[in-house]
Amino acid sequence: MLQRIDGRLVHKIVERNVLLARVERRAGDAEVYDAEMVMDFEHPFFFEHPLDHVPAMMLVEAGRQLGIAIAHLFLGVPMEVQFATRSFDIRFTEFAGLHHAVLIEGRVSDRRYRKGELVELRLDGGFVQHGHPLGTMGGEWLMLRPDVWRRYRRLEQARTGTP
């Protein structure tokens, strides 16, 4: 079985919920990153019933984790920063089989800084298995310091009347 990356890098406490085995910057390209997905066929959520393919939601979660890991490992985002998803664009063209590694690539763009801190980025990429593309995924994230996160949450709670 593949060695999972440290769960703190993808904001996970339970080790089996970490879906990445490695995250690397692609040689020669400072904005492209590669990862390998961990497929846990006994996972109680993703494989709660028999399947002959990797569930799309598992691929999506691995892609989401890649964006968070890149931000922490390569872009200097502190571990205490919260990530808020702004958008996901996902399209699958093939099923991911159970017997070959799934590789994920991500390209960072549209970085935005405020007072020297990275506060927003876009990650676009795709899933590949046995040399064949499976689909693409892109998304935008806000990265919020804990004090900013709490302020946004208070404003939302006041607006919606929820605790």
C-alpha atoms as a PDB file:
ATOM      1  CA  MET A   1       0.000   0.000   0.000  1.00  0.00           C
ATOM      2  CA  LEU A   2       1.150   3.547  -0.724  1.00  0.00           C
ATOM      3  CA  GLN A   3       2.430   5.758   2.081  1.00  0.00           C
ATOM      4  CA  ARG A   4      -0.061   8.584   2.626  1.00  0.00           C
ATOM      5  CA  ILE A   5       1.175  12.145   3.065  1.00  0.00           C
ATOM      6  CA  ASP A   6       0.816  13.803   6.464  1.00  0.00           C
ATOM      7  CA  GLY A   7      -2.878  14.465   7.096  1.00  0.00           C
ATOM      8  CA  ARG A   8      -2.164  17.969   8.372  1.00  0.00           C
ATOM      9  CA  LEU A   9      -1.206  18.950   4.813  1.00  0.00           C
ATOM     10  CA  VAL A  10      -4.787  18.274   3.646  1.00  0.00           C
ATOM     11  CA  HIS A  11      -6.568  19.183   6.904  1.00  0.00           C
ATOM     12  CA  LYS A  12      -7.472  15.580   7.794  1.00  0.00           C
ATOM     13  CA  ILE A  13      -7.307  13.977  11.226  1.00  0.00           C
ATOM     14  CA  VAL A  14      -8.256  10.406  10.269  1.00  0.00           C
ATOM     15  CA  GLU A  15      -5.399   8.880   8.263  1.00  0.00           C
ATOM     16  CA  ARG A  16      -7.600   6.805   5.957  1.00  0.00           C
ATOM     17  CA  ASN A  17      -9.249  10.027   4.752  1.00  0.00           C
ATOM     18  CA  VAL A  18      -5.936  11.239   3.323  1.00  0.00           C
ATOM     19  CA  LEU A  19      -6.125  10.308  -0.367  1.00  0.00           C
ATOM     20  CA  LEU A  20      -2.683  11.403  -1.579  1.00  0.00           C
ATOM     21  CA  ALA A  21       0.519   9.380  -1.458  1.00  0.00           C
ATOM     22  CA  ARG A  22       2.900  12.004  -2.778  1.00  0.00           C
ATOM     23  CA  VAL A  23       2.841  15.569  -4.021  1.00  0.00           C
ATOM     24  CA  GLU A  24       5.690  16.873  -6.161  1.00  0.00           C
ATOM     25  CA  ARG A  25       6.487  19.943  -8.198  1.00  0.00           C
ATOM     26  CA  ARG A  26       6.984  18.904 -11.808  1.00  0.00           C
ATOM     27  CA  ALA A  27      10.580  19.301 -12.923  1.00  0.00           C
ATOM     28  CA  GLY A  28      11.067  22.319 -15.166  1.00  0.00           C
ATOM     29  CA  ASP A  29       7.672  23.862 -14.452  1.00  0.00           C
ATOM     30  CA  ALA A  30       7.203  25.867 -11.272  1.00  0.00           C
ATOM     31  CA  GLU A  31       3.401  25.948 -11.563  1.00  0.00           C
ATOM     32  CA  VAL A  32       2.600  22.256 -12.262  1.00  0.00           C
ATOM     33  CA  TYR A  33       2.359  19.606  -9.566  1.00  0.00           C
ATOM     34  CA  ASP A  34       1.853  15.844  -9.642  1.00  0.00           C
ATOM     35  CA  ALA A  35       0.348  13.487  -7.065  1.00  0.00           C
ATOM     36  CA  GLU A  36      -0.600   9.850  -6.779  1.00  0.00           C
ATOM     37  CA  MET A  37      -3.936   8.904  -5.293  1.00  0.00           C
ATOM     38  CA  VAL A  38      -4.303   6.331  -2.515  1.00  0.00           C
ATOM     39  CA  MET A  39      -7.162   3.955  -3.256  1.00  0.00           C
ATOM     40  CA  ASP A  40      -8.534   2.379  -0.091  1.00  0.00           C
ATOM     41  CA  PHE A  41     -11.075  -0.208  -1.270  1.00  0.00           C
ATOM     42  CA  GLU A  42     -12.235  -0.710   2.326  1.00  0.00           C
ATOM     43  CA  HIS A  43     -13.000   2.979   2.893  1.00  0.00           C
ATOM     44  CA  PRO A  44     -16.384   3.132   4.690  1.00  0.00           C
ATOM     45  CA  PHE A  45     -17.643   6.133   2.714  1.00  0.00           C
ATOM     46  CA  PHE A  46     -16.229   5.794  -0.798  1.00  0.00           C
ATOM     47  CA  PHE A  47     -16.634   2.003  -1.001  1.00  0.00           C
ATOM     48  CA  GLU A  48     -19.686   1.487   1.189  1.00  0.00           C
ATOM     49  CA  HIS A  49     -21.082  -0.872  -1.452  1.00  0.00           C
ATOM     50  CA  PRO A  50     -19.368  -3.071  -4.077  1.00  0.00           C
ATOM     51  CA  LEU A  51     -18.024  -1.139  -7.070  1.00  0.00           C
ATOM     52  CA  ASP A  52     -16.046  -2.026 -10.180  1.00  0.00           C
ATOM     53  CA  HIS A  53     -14.514   1.461 -10.452  1.00  0.00           C
ATOM     54  CA  VAL A  54     -13.139   4.273  -8.312  1.00  0.00           C
ATOM     55  CA  PRO A  55     -16.026   6.551  -7.310  1.00  0.00           C
ATOM     56  CA  ALA A  56     -16.009  10.013  -8.863  1.00  0.00           C
ATOM     57  CA  MET A  57     -16.383  11.623  -5.435  1.00  0.00           C
ATOM     58  CA  MET A  58     -13.152   9.960  -4.313  1.00  0.00           C
ATOM     59  CA  LEU A  59     -11.363  11.475  -7.312  1.00  0.00           C
ATOM     60  CA  VAL A  60     -12.894  14.869  -6.557  1.00  0.00           C
ATOM     61  CA  GLU A  61     -11.775  14.712  -2.921  1.00  0.00           C
ATOM     62  CA  ALA A  62      -8.248  13.729  -3.978  1.00  0.00           C
ATOM     63  CA  GLY A  63      -8.183  16.708  -6.373  1.00  0.00           C
ATOM     64  CA  ARG A  64      -9.383  19.022  -3.613  1.00  0.00           C
ATOM     65  CA  GLN A  65      -6.709  17.686  -1.272  1.00  0.00           C
ATOM     66  CA  LEU A  66      -4.061  18.314  -3.927  1.00  0.00           C
ATOM     67  CA  GLY A  67      -4.887  22.020  -3.980  1.00  0.00           C
ATOM     68  CA  ILE A  68      -4.581  22.310  -0.198  1.00  0.00           C
ATOM     69  CA  ALA A  69      -1.329  20.318  -0.091  1.00  0.00           C
ATOM     70  CA  ILE A  70       0.248  22.435  -2.845  1.00  0.00           C
ATOM     71  CA  ALA A  71      -0.627  25.625  -0.982  1.00  0.00           C
ATOM     72  CA  HIS A  72       1.036  24.381   2.204  1.00  0.00           C
ATOM     73  CA  LEU A  73       4.028  22.557   0.720  1.00  0.00           C
ATOM     74  CA  PHE A  74       5.047  24.927  -2.067  1.00  0.00           C
ATOM     75  CA  LEU A  75       3.278  28.285  -1.762  1.00  0.00           C
ATOM     76  CA  GLY A  76       3.984  29.202   1.846  1.00  0.00           C
ATOM     77  CA  VAL A  77       0.419  29.066   3.157  1.00  0.00           C
ATOM     78  CA  PRO A  78       0.515  28.547   6.954  1.00  0.00           C
ATOM     79  CA  MET A  79      -1.098  25.395   8.363  1.00  0.00           C
ATOM     80  CA  GLU A  80      -3.695  27.283  10.407  1.00  0.00           C
ATOM     81  CA  VAL A  81      -5.211  28.927   7.314  1.00  0.00           C
ATOM     82  CA  GLN A  82      -8.735  27.828   6.393  1.00  0.00           C
ATOM     83  CA  PHE A  83      -9.666  27.052   2.778  1.00  0.00           C
ATOM     84  CA  ALA A  84     -13.029  28.152   1.407  1.00  0.00           C
ATOM     85  CA  THR A  85     -14.099  26.700  -1.919  1.00  0.00           C
ATOM     86  CA  ARG A  86     -15.395  29.253  -4.403  1.00  0.00           C
ATOM     87  CA  SER A  87     -15.970  26.944  -7.361  1.00  0.00           C
ATOM     88  CA  PHE A  88     -15.363  23.493  -8.813  1.00  0.00           C
ATOM     89  CA  ASP A  89     -15.553  22.612 -12.500  1.00  0.00           C
ATOM     90  CA  ILE A  90     -15.491  18.838 -13.004  1.00  0.00           C
ATOM     91  CA  ARG A  91     -15.841  16.677 -16.099  1.00  0.00           C
ATOM     92  CA  PHE A  92     -15.179  12.947 -16.304  1.00  0.00           C
ATOM     93  CA  THR A  93     -14.788  11.192 -19.652  1.00  0.00           C
ATOM     94  CA  GLU A  94     -13.749   7.693 -18.490  1.00  0.00           C
ATOM     95  CA  PHE A  95     -14.190   5.447 -15.469  1.00  0.00           C
ATOM     96  CA  ALA A  96     -11.225   4.968 -13.143  1.00  0.00           C
ATOM     97  CA  GLY A  97     -10.501   1.261 -12.818  1.00  0.00           C
ATOM     98  CA  LEU A  98      -9.522  -0.434  -9.591  1.00  0.00           C
ATOM     99  CA  HIS A  99      -6.266  -2.000 -10.746  1.00  0.00           C
ATOM    100  CA  HIS A 100      -4.021   0.859 -11.925  1.00  0.00           C
ATOM    101  CA  ALA A 101      -2.652   3.911 -10.153  1.00  0.00           C
ATOM    102  CA  VAL A 102      -4.507   7.188 -10.541  1.00  0.00           C
ATOM    103  CA  LEU A 103      -2.212  10.164 -11.090  1.00  0.00           C
ATOM    104  CA  ILE A 104      -3.385  13.719 -10.589  1.00  0.00           C
ATOM    105  CA  GLU A 105      -1.852  16.832 -12.042  1.00  0.00           C
ATOM    106  CA  GLY A 106      -2.581  20.373 -11.015  1.00  0.00           C
ATOM    107  CA  ARG A 107      -1.568  23.734 -12.460  1.00  0.00           C
ATOM    108  CA  VAL A 108      -1.741  26.791 -10.204  1.00  0.00           C
ATOM    109  CA  SER A 109      -2.862  30.095 -11.680  1.00  0.00           C
ATOM    110  CA  ASP A 110      -4.619  33.320 -10.756  1.00  0.00           C
ATOM    111  CA  ARG A 111      -2.788  33.725  -7.459  1.00  0.00           C
ATOM    112  CA  ARG A 112      -3.884  36.782  -5.521  1.00  0.00           C
ATOM    113  CA  TYR A 113      -2.022  38.249  -2.575  1.00  0.00           C
ATOM    114  CA  ARG A 114      -3.087  40.656   0.141  1.00  0.00           C
ATOM    115  CA  LYS A 115      -0.430  42.240   2.361  1.00  0.00           C
ATOM    116  CA  GLY A 116       2.104  39.703   1.132  1.00  0.00           C
ATOM    117  CA  GLU A 117      -0.083  36.671   1.947  1.00  0.00           C
ATOM    118  CA  LEU A 118      -1.570  34.330  -0.651  1.00  0.00           C
ATOM    119  CA  VAL A 119      -5.342  34.656  -0.236  1.00  0.00           C
ATOM    120  CA  GLU A 120      -6.745  33.145  -3.434  1.00  0.00           C
ATOM    121  CA  LEU A 121      -5.735  30.756  -6.204  1.00  0.00           C
ATOM    122  CA  ARG A 122      -7.067  28.611  -8.992  1.00  0.00           C
ATOM    123  CA  LEU A 123      -5.996  25.012  -9.584  1.00  0.00           C
ATOM    124  CA  ASP A 124      -6.767  23.244 -12.872  1.00  0.00           C
ATOM    125  CA  GLY A 125      -5.749  19.732 -13.669  1.00  0.00           C
ATOM    126  CA  GLY A 126      -6.715  16.241 -14.523  1.00  0.00           C
ATOM    127  CA  PHE A 127      -6.789  12.603 -13.593  1.00  0.00           C
ATOM    128  CA  VAL A 128      -4.816   9.995 -15.550  1.00  0.00           C
ATOM    129  CA  GLN A 129      -4.789   6.228 -15.258  1.00  0.00           C
ATOM    130  CA  HIS A 130      -2.493   3.886 -17.188  1.00  0.00           C
ATOM    131  CA  GLY A 131      -1.656   6.752 -19.567  1.00  0.00           C
ATOM    132  CA  HIS A 132      -5.294   7.599 -20.340  1.00  0.00           C
ATOM    133  CA  PRO A 133      -7.030  10.801 -19.234  1.00  0.00           C
ATOM    134  CA  LEU A 134     -10.072  10.212 -17.035  1.00  0.00           C
ATOM    135  CA  GLY A 135     -11.289  13.756 -16.711  1.00  0.00           C
ATOM    136  CA  THR A 136     -10.531  17.271 -15.599  1.00  0.00           C
ATOM    137  CA  MET A 137     -11.148  19.322 -12.498  1.00  0.00           C
ATOM    138  CA  GLY A 138     -10.595  22.950 -11.703  1.00  0.00           C
ATOM    139  CA  GLY A 139     -11.418  25.085  -8.752  1.00  0.00           C
ATOM    140  CA  GLU A 140     -10.900  28.342  -6.937  1.00  0.00           C
ATOM    141  CA  TRP A 141     -10.088  28.698  -3.249  1.00  0.00           C
ATOM    142  CA  LEU A 142      -9.936  31.501  -0.769  1.00  0.00           C
ATOM    143  CA  MET A 143      -7.346  31.098   1.974  1.00  0.00           C
ATOM    144  CA  LEU A 144      -8.355  32.804   5.194  1.00  0.00           C
ATOM    145  CA  ARG A 145      -6.393  33.389   8.386  1.00  0.00           C
ATOM    146  CA  PRO A 146      -8.309  32.164  11.472  1.00  0.00           C
ATOM    147  CA  ASP A 147      -9.329  35.702  12.518  1.00  0.00           C
ATOM    148  CA  VAL A 148     -10.697  36.444   9.030  1.00  0.00           C
ATOM    149  CA  TRP A 149     -12.478  33.063   8.935  1.00  0.00           C
ATOM    150  CA  ARG A 150     -14.192  33.803  12.273  1.00  0.00           C
ATOM    151  CA  ARG A 151     -15.259  37.250  11.044  1.00  0.00           C
ATOM    152  CA  TYR A 152     -16.772  35.785   7.837  1.00  0.00           C
ATOM    153  CA  ARG A 153     -18.573  33.081   9.817  1.00  0.00           C
ATOM    154  CA  ARG A 154     -20.030  35.626  12.275  1.00  0.00           C
ATOM    155  CA  LEU A 155     -21.296  37.744   9.365  1.00  0.00           C
ATOM    156  CA  GLU A 156     -22.882  34.711   7.710  1.00  0.00           C
ATOM    157  CA  GLN A 157     -24.485  33.558  10.950  1.00  0.00           C
ATOM    158  CA  ALA A 158     -25.917  37.025  11.507  1.00  0.00           C
ATOM    159  CA  ARG A 159     -27.214  37.131   7.928  1.00  0.00           C
ATOM    160  CA  THR A 160     -28.870  33.685   8.066  1.00  0.00           C
ATOM    161  CA  GLY A 161     -29.811  33.567  11.745  1.00  0.00           C
ATOM    162  CA  THR A 162     -28.006  30.244  12.231  1.00  0.00           C
ATOM    163  CA  PRO A 163     -25.730  29.391  15.167  1.00  0.00           C
END
